[in-house]
Amino acid sequence: GLNISPDGKRAVVTGYASSYVRVFDVETLRMLAH
């Protein structure tokens, strides 16, 4: 899954085969959290 926060600043990426989400800064595409 790929969801963009309401403010448009973060992307949350999920993966059904995983136990983690990854949070990215939409502007820089830098991963903020795992």
All heavy atoms as atom14 arrays in JSON, in Angstrom:
{
  "sequence": "GLNISPDGKRAVVTGYASSYVRVFDVETLRMLAH",
  "atom14_mask": [
    [1, 1, 1, 1, 0, 0, 0, 0, 0, 0, 0, 0, 0, 0],
    [1, 1, 1, 1, 1, 1, 1, 1, 0, 0, 0, 0, 0, 0],
    [1, 1, 1, 1, 1, 1, 1, 1, 0, 0, 0, 0, 0, 0],
    [1, 1, 1, 1, 1, 1, 1, 1, 0, 0, 0, 0, 0, 0],
    [1, 1, 1, 1, 1, 1, 0, 0, 0, 0, 0, 0, 0, 0],
    [1, 1, 1, 1, 1, 1, 1, 0, 0, 0, 0, 0, 0, 0],
    [1, 1, 1, 1, 1, 1, 1, 1, 0, 0, 0, 0, 0, 0],
    [1, 1, 1, 1, 0, 0, 0, 0, 0, 0, 0, 0, 0, 0],
    [1, 1, 1, 1, 1, 1, 1, 1, 1, 0, 0, 0, 0, 0],
    [1, 1, 1, 1, 1, 1, 1, 1, 1, 1, 1, 0, 0, 0],
    [1, 1, 1, 1, 1, 0, 0, 0, 0, 0, 0, 0, 0, 0],
    [1, 1, 1, 1, 1, 1, 1, 0, 0, 0, 0, 0, 0, 0],
    [1, 1, 1, 1, 1, 1, 1, 0, 0, 0, 0, 0, 0, 0],
    [1, 1, 1, 1, 1, 1, 1, 0, 0, 0, 0, 0, 0, 0],
    [1, 1, 1, 1, 0, 0, 0, 0, 0, 0, 0, 0, 0, 0],
    [1, 1, 1, 1, 1, 1, 1, 1, 1, 1, 1, 1, 0, 0],
    [1, 1, 1, 1, 1, 0, 0, 0, 0, 0, 0, 0, 0, 0],
    [1, 1, 1, 1, 1, 1, 0, 0, 0, 0, 0, 0, 0, 0],
    [1, 1, 1, 1, 1, 1, 0, 0, 0, 0, 0, 0, 0, 0],
    [1, 1, 1, 1, 1, 1, 1, 1, 1, 1, 1, 1, 0, 0],
    [1, 1, 1, 1, 1, 1, 1, 0, 0, 0, 0, 0, 0, 0],
    [1, 1, 1, 1, 1, 1, 1, 1, 1, 1, 1, 0, 0, 0],
    [1, 1, 1, 1, 1, 1, 1, 0, 0, 0, 0, 0, 0, 0],
    [1, 1, 1, 1, 1, 1, 1, 1, 1, 1, 1, 0, 0, 0],
    [1, 1, 1, 1, 1, 1, 1, 1, 0, 0, 0, 0, 0, 0],
    [1, 1, 1, 1, 1, 1, 1, 0, 0, 0, 0, 0, 0, 0],
    [1, 1, 1, 1, 1, 1, 1, 1, 1, 0, 0, 0, 0, 0],
    [1, 1, 1, 1, 1, 1, 1, 0, 0, 0, 0, 0, 0, 0],
    [1, 1, 1, 1, 1, 1, 1, 1, 0, 0, 0, 0, 0, 0],
    [1, 1, 1, 1, 1, 1, 1, 1, 1, 1, 1, 0, 0, 0],
    [1, 1, 1, 1, 1, 1, 1, 1, 0, 0, 0, 0, 0, 0],
    [1, 1, 1, 1, 1, 1, 1, 1, 0, 0, 0, 0, 0, 0],
    [1, 1, 1, 1, 1, 0, 0, 0, 0, 0, 0, 0, 0, 0],
    [1, 1, 1, 1, 1, 1, 1, 1, 1, 1, 0, 0, 0, 0]
  ],
  "atom14_positions": [
    [[0.82, -1.17, 0.0], [0.0, 0.0, 0.0], [0.86, 1.24, 0.0], [2.0, 1.24, 0.46], [0.0, 0.0, 0.0], [0.0, 0.0, 0.0], [0.0, 0.0, 0.0], [0.0, 0.0, 0.0], [0.0, 0.0, 0.0], [0.0, 0.0, 0.0], [0.0, 0.0, 0.0], [0.0, 0.0, 0.0], [0.0, 0.0, 0.0], [0.0, 0.0, 0.0]],
    [[0.35, 2.28, -0.57], [1.01, 3.58, -0.58], [-0.05, 4.63, -0.26], [-1.03, 4.77, -0.99], [1.62, 3.87, -1.96], [2.16, 5.28, -2.17], [3.34, 5.55, -1.24], [2.56, 5.47, -3.61], [0.0, 0.0, 0.0], [0.0, 0.0, 0.0], [0.0, 0.0, 0.0], [0.0, 0.0, 0.0], [0.0, 0.0, 0.0], [0.0, 0.0, 0.0]],
    [[0.15, 5.32, 0.84], [-0.8, 6.34, 1.26], [-0.06, 7.64, 1.54], [1.01, 7.63, 2.14], [-1.56, 5.9, 2.52], [-2.32, 4.61, 2.26], [-1.84, 3.54, 2.58], [-3.5, 4.71, 1.68], [0.0, 0.0, 0.0], [0.0, 0.0, 0.0], [0.0, 0.0, 0.0], [0.0, 0.0, 0.0], [0.0, 0.0, 0.0], [0.0, 0.0, 0.0]],
    [[-0.64, 8.75, 1.1], [-0.06, 10.07, 1.31], [-0.82, 10.76, 2.44], [-2.06, 10.77, 2.45], [-0.15, 10.92, 0.03], [0.5, 10.2, -1.15], [0.48, 12.3, 0.24], [1.98, 9.92, -1.0], [0.0, 0.0, 0.0], [0.0, 0.0, 0.0], [0.0, 0.0, 0.0], [0.0, 0.0, 0.0], [0.0, 0.0, 0.0], [0.0, 0.0, 0.0]],
    [[-0.08, 11.34, 3.39], [-0.71, 12.03, 4.52], [-1.55, 13.2, 4.01], [-1.28, 13.74, 2.93], [0.35, 12.51, 5.51], [1.21, 13.45, 4.9], [0.0, 0.0, 0.0], [0.0, 0.0, 0.0], [0.0, 0.0, 0.0], [0.0, 0.0, 0.0], [0.0, 0.0, 0.0], [0.0, 0.0, 0.0], [0.0, 0.0, 0.0], [0.0, 0.0, 0.0]],
    [[-2.57, 13.6, 4.78], [-3.45, 14.69, 4.35], [-2.72, 16.0, 4.02], [-3.15, 16.75, 3.15], [-4.4, 14.89, 5.54], [-4.41, 13.57, 6.22], [-3.03, 13.02, 6.04], [0.0, 0.0, 0.0], [0.0, 0.0, 0.0], [0.0, 0.0, 0.0], [0.0, 0.0, 0.0], [0.0, 0.0, 0.0], [0.0, 0.0, 0.0], [0.0, 0.0, 0.0]],
    [[-1.58, 16.25, 4.69], [-0.83, 17.48, 4.4], [0.08, 17.33, 3.18], [0.73, 18.28, 2.77], [-0.03, 17.93, 5.62], [1.02, 16.93, 6.07], [1.28, 15.93, 5.35], [1.59, 17.13, 7.16], [0.0, 0.0, 0.0], [0.0, 0.0, 0.0], [0.0, 0.0, 0.0], [0.0, 0.0, 0.0], [0.0, 0.0, 0.0], [0.0, 0.0, 0.0]],
    [[0.13, 16.13, 2.6], [0.93, 15.89, 1.4], [2.42, 15.78, 1.64], [3.2, 15.71, 0.7], [0.0, 0.0, 0.0], [0.0, 0.0, 0.0], [0.0, 0.0, 0.0], [0.0, 0.0, 0.0], [0.0, 0.0, 0.0], [0.0, 0.0, 0.0], [0.0, 0.0, 0.0], [0.0, 0.0, 0.0], [0.0, 0.0, 0.0], [0.0, 0.0, 0.0]],
    [[2.84, 15.74, 2.9], [4.27, 15.76, 3.21], [4.91, 14.39, 3.39], [6.1, 14.23, 3.23], [4.51, 16.59, 4.47], [4.18, 18.05, 4.29], [4.45, 18.83, 5.54], [4.12, 20.3, 5.33], [4.41, 21.09, 6.52], [0.0, 0.0, 0.0], [0.0, 0.0, 0.0], [0.0, 0.0, 0.0], [0.0, 0.0, 0.0], [0.0, 0.0, 0.0]],
    [[4.09, 13.38, 3.73], [4.65, 12.05, 4.01], [3.92, 10.99, 3.21], [2.72, 11.07, 3.0], [4.53, 11.72, 5.49], [5.46, 12.54, 6.35], [5.24, 12.22, 7.78], [4.11, 13.02, 8.25], [4.02, 13.56, 9.43], [4.97, 13.36, 10.31], [2.99, 14.28, 9.77], [0.0, 0.0, 0.0], [0.0, 0.0, 0.0], [0.0, 0.0, 0.0]],
    [[4.69, 9.99, 2.82], [4.13, 8.8, 2.19], [4.37, 7.64, 3.14], [5.48, 7.47, 3.66], [4.8, 8.52, 0.85], [0.0, 0.0, 0.0], [0.0, 0.0, 0.0], [0.0, 0.0, 0.0], [0.0, 0.0, 0.0], [0.0, 0.0, 0.0], [0.0, 0.0, 0.0], [0.0, 0.0, 0.0], [0.0, 0.0, 0.0], [0.0, 0.0, 0.0]],
    [[3.33, 6.86, 3.39], [3.45, 5.67, 4.24], [3.32, 4.46, 3.3], [2.33, 4.31, 2.6], [2.37, 5.63, 5.34], [2.46, 4.34, 6.13], [2.53, 6.84, 6.27], [0.0, 0.0, 0.0], [0.0, 0.0, 0.0], [0.0, 0.0, 0.0], [0.0, 0.0, 0.0], [0.0, 0.0, 0.0], [0.0, 0.0, 0.0], [0.0, 0.0, 0.0]],
    [[4.35, 3.63, 3.31], [4.41, 2.47, 2.43], [4.3, 1.22, 3.28], [5.07, 1.03, 4.24], [5.73, 2.46, 1.63], [5.78, 1.25, 0.7], [5.88, 3.75, 0.84], [0.0, 0.0, 0.0], [0.0, 0.0, 0.0], [0.0, 0.0, 0.0], [0.0, 0.0, 0.0], [0.0, 0.0, 0.0], [0.0, 0.0, 0.0], [0.0, 0.0, 0.0]],
    [[3.32, 0.38, 2.96], [3.12, -0.88, 3.68], [3.42, -2.03, 2.75], [3.47, -1.88, 1.53], [1.67, -1.01, 4.19], [0.79, -0.99, 3.06], [1.3, 0.11, 5.14], [0.0, 0.0, 0.0], [0.0, 0.0, 0.0], [0.0, 0.0, 0.0], [0.0, 0.0, 0.0], [0.0, 0.0, 0.0], [0.0, 0.0, 0.0], [0.0, 0.0, 0.0]],
    [[3.62, -3.2, 3.33], [3.84, -4.4, 2.53], [3.26, -5.59, 3.26], [3.68, -5.91, 4.38], [0.0, 0.0, 0.0], [0.0, 0.0, 0.0], [0.0, 0.0, 0.0], [0.0, 0.0, 0.0], [0.0, 0.0, 0.0], [0.0, 0.0, 0.0], [0.0, 0.0, 0.0], [0.0, 0.0, 0.0], [0.0, 0.0, 0.0], [0.0, 0.0, 0.0]],
    [[2.28, -6.23, 2.67], [1.56, -7.31, 3.35], [2.5, -8.42, 3.82], [2.26, -9.03, 4.86], [0.48, -7.87, 2.43], [-0.42, -8.86, 3.12], [-1.42, -8.41, 3.98], [-0.25, -10.22, 2.94], [-2.24, -9.3, 4.63], [-1.07, -11.12, 3.6], [-2.06, -10.66, 4.44], [-2.86, -11.54, 5.09], [0.0, 0.0, 0.0], [0.0, 0.0, 0.0]],
    [[3.58, -8.67, 3.1], [4.51, -9.74, 3.47], [5.53, -9.28, 4.51], [6.44, -10.02, 4.87], [5.23, -10.25, 2.23], [0.0, 0.0, 0.0], [0.0, 0.0, 0.0], [0.0, 0.0, 0.0], [0.0, 0.0, 0.0], [0.0, 0.0, 0.0], [0.0, 0.0, 0.0], [0.0, 0.0, 0.0], [0.0, 0.0, 0.0], [0.0, 0.0, 0.0]],
    [[5.36, -8.08, 5.03], [6.3, -7.5, 5.98], [5.63, -7.27, 7.32], [4.45, -7.52, 7.48], [6.79, -6.15, 5.42], [7.63, -5.49, 6.33], [0.0, 0.0, 0.0], [0.0, 0.0, 0.0], [0.0, 0.0, 0.0], [0.0, 0.0, 0.0], [0.0, 0.0, 0.0], [0.0, 0.0, 0.0], [0.0, 0.0, 0.0], [0.0, 0.0, 0.0]],
    [[6.4, -6.82, 8.28], [5.87, -6.39, 9.58], [6.15, -4.92, 9.82], [6.01, -4.44, 10.93], [6.49, -7.23, 10.7], [6.07, -8.56, 10.62], [0.0, 0.0, 0.0], [0.0, 0.0, 0.0], [0.0, 0.0, 0.0], [0.0, 0.0, 0.0], [0.0, 0.0, 0.0], [0.0, 0.0, 0.0], [0.0, 0.0, 0.0], [0.0, 0.0, 0.0]],
    [[6.57, -4.23, 8.79], [7.02, -2.85, 8.93], [6.27, -1.92, 7.99], [5.77, -2.34, 6.95], [8.51, -2.73, 8.58], [9.4, -3.42, 9.57], [9.67, -4.78, 9.45], [9.96, -2.73, 10.63], [10.48, -5.42, 10.36], [10.77, -3.37, 11.55], [11.04, -4.72, 11.41], [11.83, -5.35, 12.32], [0.0, 0.0, 0.0], [0.0, 0.0, 0.0]],
    [[6.22, -0.65, 8.36], [5.85, 0.41, 7.43], [7.07, 1.31, 7.29], [7.91, 1.4, 8.19], [4.63, 1.24, 7.9], [3.4, 0.37, 8.0], [4.89, 1.96, 9.21], [0.0, 0.0, 0.0], [0.0, 0.0, 0.0], [0.0, 0.0, 0.0], [0.0, 0.0, 0.0], [0.0, 0.0, 0.0], [0.0, 0.0, 0.0], [0.0, 0.0, 0.0]],
    [[7.16, 1.94, 6.15], [8.21, 2.9, 5.92], [7.55, 4.25, 5.67], [6.55, 4.33, 4.95], [9.04, 2.5, 4.71], [9.9, 1.27, 4.94], [10.4, 0.74, 3.59], [10.62, -0.68, 3.56], [9.7, -1.65, 3.63], [8.46, -1.36, 3.77], [10.02, -2.92, 3.58], [0.0, 0.0, 0.0], [0.0, 0.0, 0.0], [0.0, 0.0, 0.0]],
    [[8.12, 5.28, 6.26], [7.59, 6.63, 6.12], [8.62, 7.45, 5.36], [9.8, 7.48, 5.73], [7.3, 7.27, 7.51], [6.71, 8.67, 7.33], [6.38, 6.38, 8.33], [0.0, 0.0, 0.0], [0.0, 0.0, 0.0], [0.0, 0.0, 0.0], [0.0, 0.0, 0.0], [0.0, 0.0, 0.0], [0.0, 0.0, 0.0], [0.0, 0.0, 0.0]],
    [[8.18, 8.08, 4.27], [9.06, 8.86, 3.42], [8.63, 10.32, 3.37], [7.42, 10.61, 3.42], [9.04, 8.33, 1.98], [9.7, 6.99, 1.82], [8.97, 5.83, 2.01], [11.03, 6.9, 1.47], [9.57, 4.59, 1.87], [11.64, 5.67, 1.33], [10.9, 4.5, 1.53], [0.0, 0.0, 0.0], [0.0, 0.0, 0.0], [0.0, 0.0, 0.0]],
    [[9.6, 11.21, 3.25], [9.34, 12.61, 2.96], [9.01, 12.67, 1.47], [9.82, 12.24, 0.65], [10.57, 13.44, 3.29], [10.38, 14.91, 2.99], [10.31, 15.26, 1.78], [10.32, 15.71, 3.93], [0.0, 0.0, 0.0], [0.0, 0.0, 0.0], [0.0, 0.0, 0.0], [0.0, 0.0, 0.0], [0.0, 0.0, 0.0], [0.0, 0.0, 0.0]],
    [[7.83, 13.17, 1.11], [7.39, 13.17, -0.28], [8.28, 14.07, -1.14], [8.62, 13.72, -2.28], [5.91, 13.59, -0.39], [5.49, 13.82, -1.82], [5.02, 12.54, 0.26], [0.0, 0.0, 0.0], [0.0, 0.0, 0.0], [0.0, 0.0, 0.0], [0.0, 0.0, 0.0], [0.0, 0.0, 0.0], [0.0, 0.0, 0.0], [0.0, 0.0, 0.0]],
    [[8.69, 15.2, -0.62], [9.48, 16.14, -1.41], [10.88, 15.62, -1.72], [11.36, 15.72, -2.85], [9.57, 17.48, -0.69], [10.23, 18.56, -1.51], [10.2, 19.9, -0.82], [9.14, 20.28, -0.3], [11.25, 20.57, -0.82], [0.0, 0.0, 0.0], [0.0, 0.0, 0.0], [0.0, 0.0, 0.0], [0.0, 0.0, 0.0], [0.0, 0.0, 0.0]],
    [[11.55, 15.05, -0.71], [12.94, 14.62, -0.9], [13.08, 13.12, -1.19], [14.15, 12.67, -1.56], [13.78, 14.93, 0.36], [13.28, 14.13, 1.45], [13.72, 16.4, 0.71], [0.0, 0.0, 0.0], [0.0, 0.0, 0.0], [0.0, 0.0, 0.0], [0.0, 0.0, 0.0], [0.0, 0.0, 0.0], [0.0, 0.0, 0.0], [0.0, 0.0, 0.0]],
    [[12.0, 12.36, -0.97], [11.98, 10.9, -1.1], [12.93, 10.21, -0.11], [13.3, 9.06, -0.27], [12.3, 10.46, -2.54], [11.32, 10.97, -3.59], [11.73, 10.48, -4.97], [9.89, 10.56, -3.28], [0.0, 0.0, 0.0], [0.0, 0.0, 0.0], [0.0, 0.0, 0.0], [0.0, 0.0, 0.0], [0.0, 0.0, 0.0], [0.0, 0.0, 0.0]],
    [[13.3, 10.94, 0.94], [14.15, 10.38, 1.99], [13.29, 9.59, 2.97], [12.21, 10.03, 3.36], [14.86, 11.52, 2.73], [15.84, 11.06, 3.8], [16.58, 12.25, 4.39], [15.71, 13.14, 5.12], [15.47, 13.06, 6.43], [16.01, 12.11, 7.15], [14.67, 13.92, 7.02], [0.0, 0.0, 0.0], [0.0, 0.0, 0.0], [0.0, 0.0, 0.0]],
    [[13.78, 8.39, 3.36], [13.05, 7.61, 4.35], [13.23, 8.25, 5.71], [14.35, 8.49, 6.16], [13.52, 6.16, 4.38], [12.64, 5.31, 5.29], [12.81, 3.52, 5.12], [14.53, 3.26, 5.44], [0.0, 0.0, 0.0], [0.0, 0.0, 0.0], [0.0, 0.0, 0.0], [0.0, 0.0, 0.0], [0.0, 0.0, 0.0], [0.0, 0.0, 0.0]],
    [[12.1, 8.53, 6.37], [12.11, 9.15, 7.7], [12.06, 8.12, 8.81], [12.58, 8.36, 9.9], [10.91, 10.11, 7.83], [10.82, 11.22, 6.8], [9.49, 11.96, 6.95], [12.0, 12.17, 6.95], [0.0, 0.0, 0.0], [0.0, 0.0, 0.0], [0.0, 0.0, 0.0], [0.0, 0.0, 0.0], [0.0, 0.0, 0.0], [0.0, 0.0, 0.0]],
    [[11.39, 7.0, 8.56], [11.23, 5.99, 9.61], [10.94, 4.63, 8.99], [10.37, 4.53, 7.9], [10.09, 6.38, 10.55], [0.0, 0.0, 0.0], [0.0, 0.0, 0.0], [0.0, 0.0, 0.0], [0.0, 0.0, 0.0], [0.0, 0.0, 0.0], [0.0, 0.0, 0.0], [0.0, 0.0, 0.0], [0.0, 0.0, 0.0], [0.0, 0.0, 0.0]],
    [[11.34, 3.6, 9.73], [11.08, 2.19, 9.39], [10.53, 1.61, 10.69], [11.28, 1.41, 11.65], [12.4, 1.54, 8.97], [12.27, 0.15, 8.5], [12.83, -0.91, 9.19], [11.66, -0.38, 7.42], [12.58, -2.02, 8.53], [11.88, -1.74, 7.46], [0.0, 0.0, 0.0], [0.0, 0.0, 0.0], [0.0, 0.0, 0.0], [0.0, 0.0, 0.0]]
  ]
}
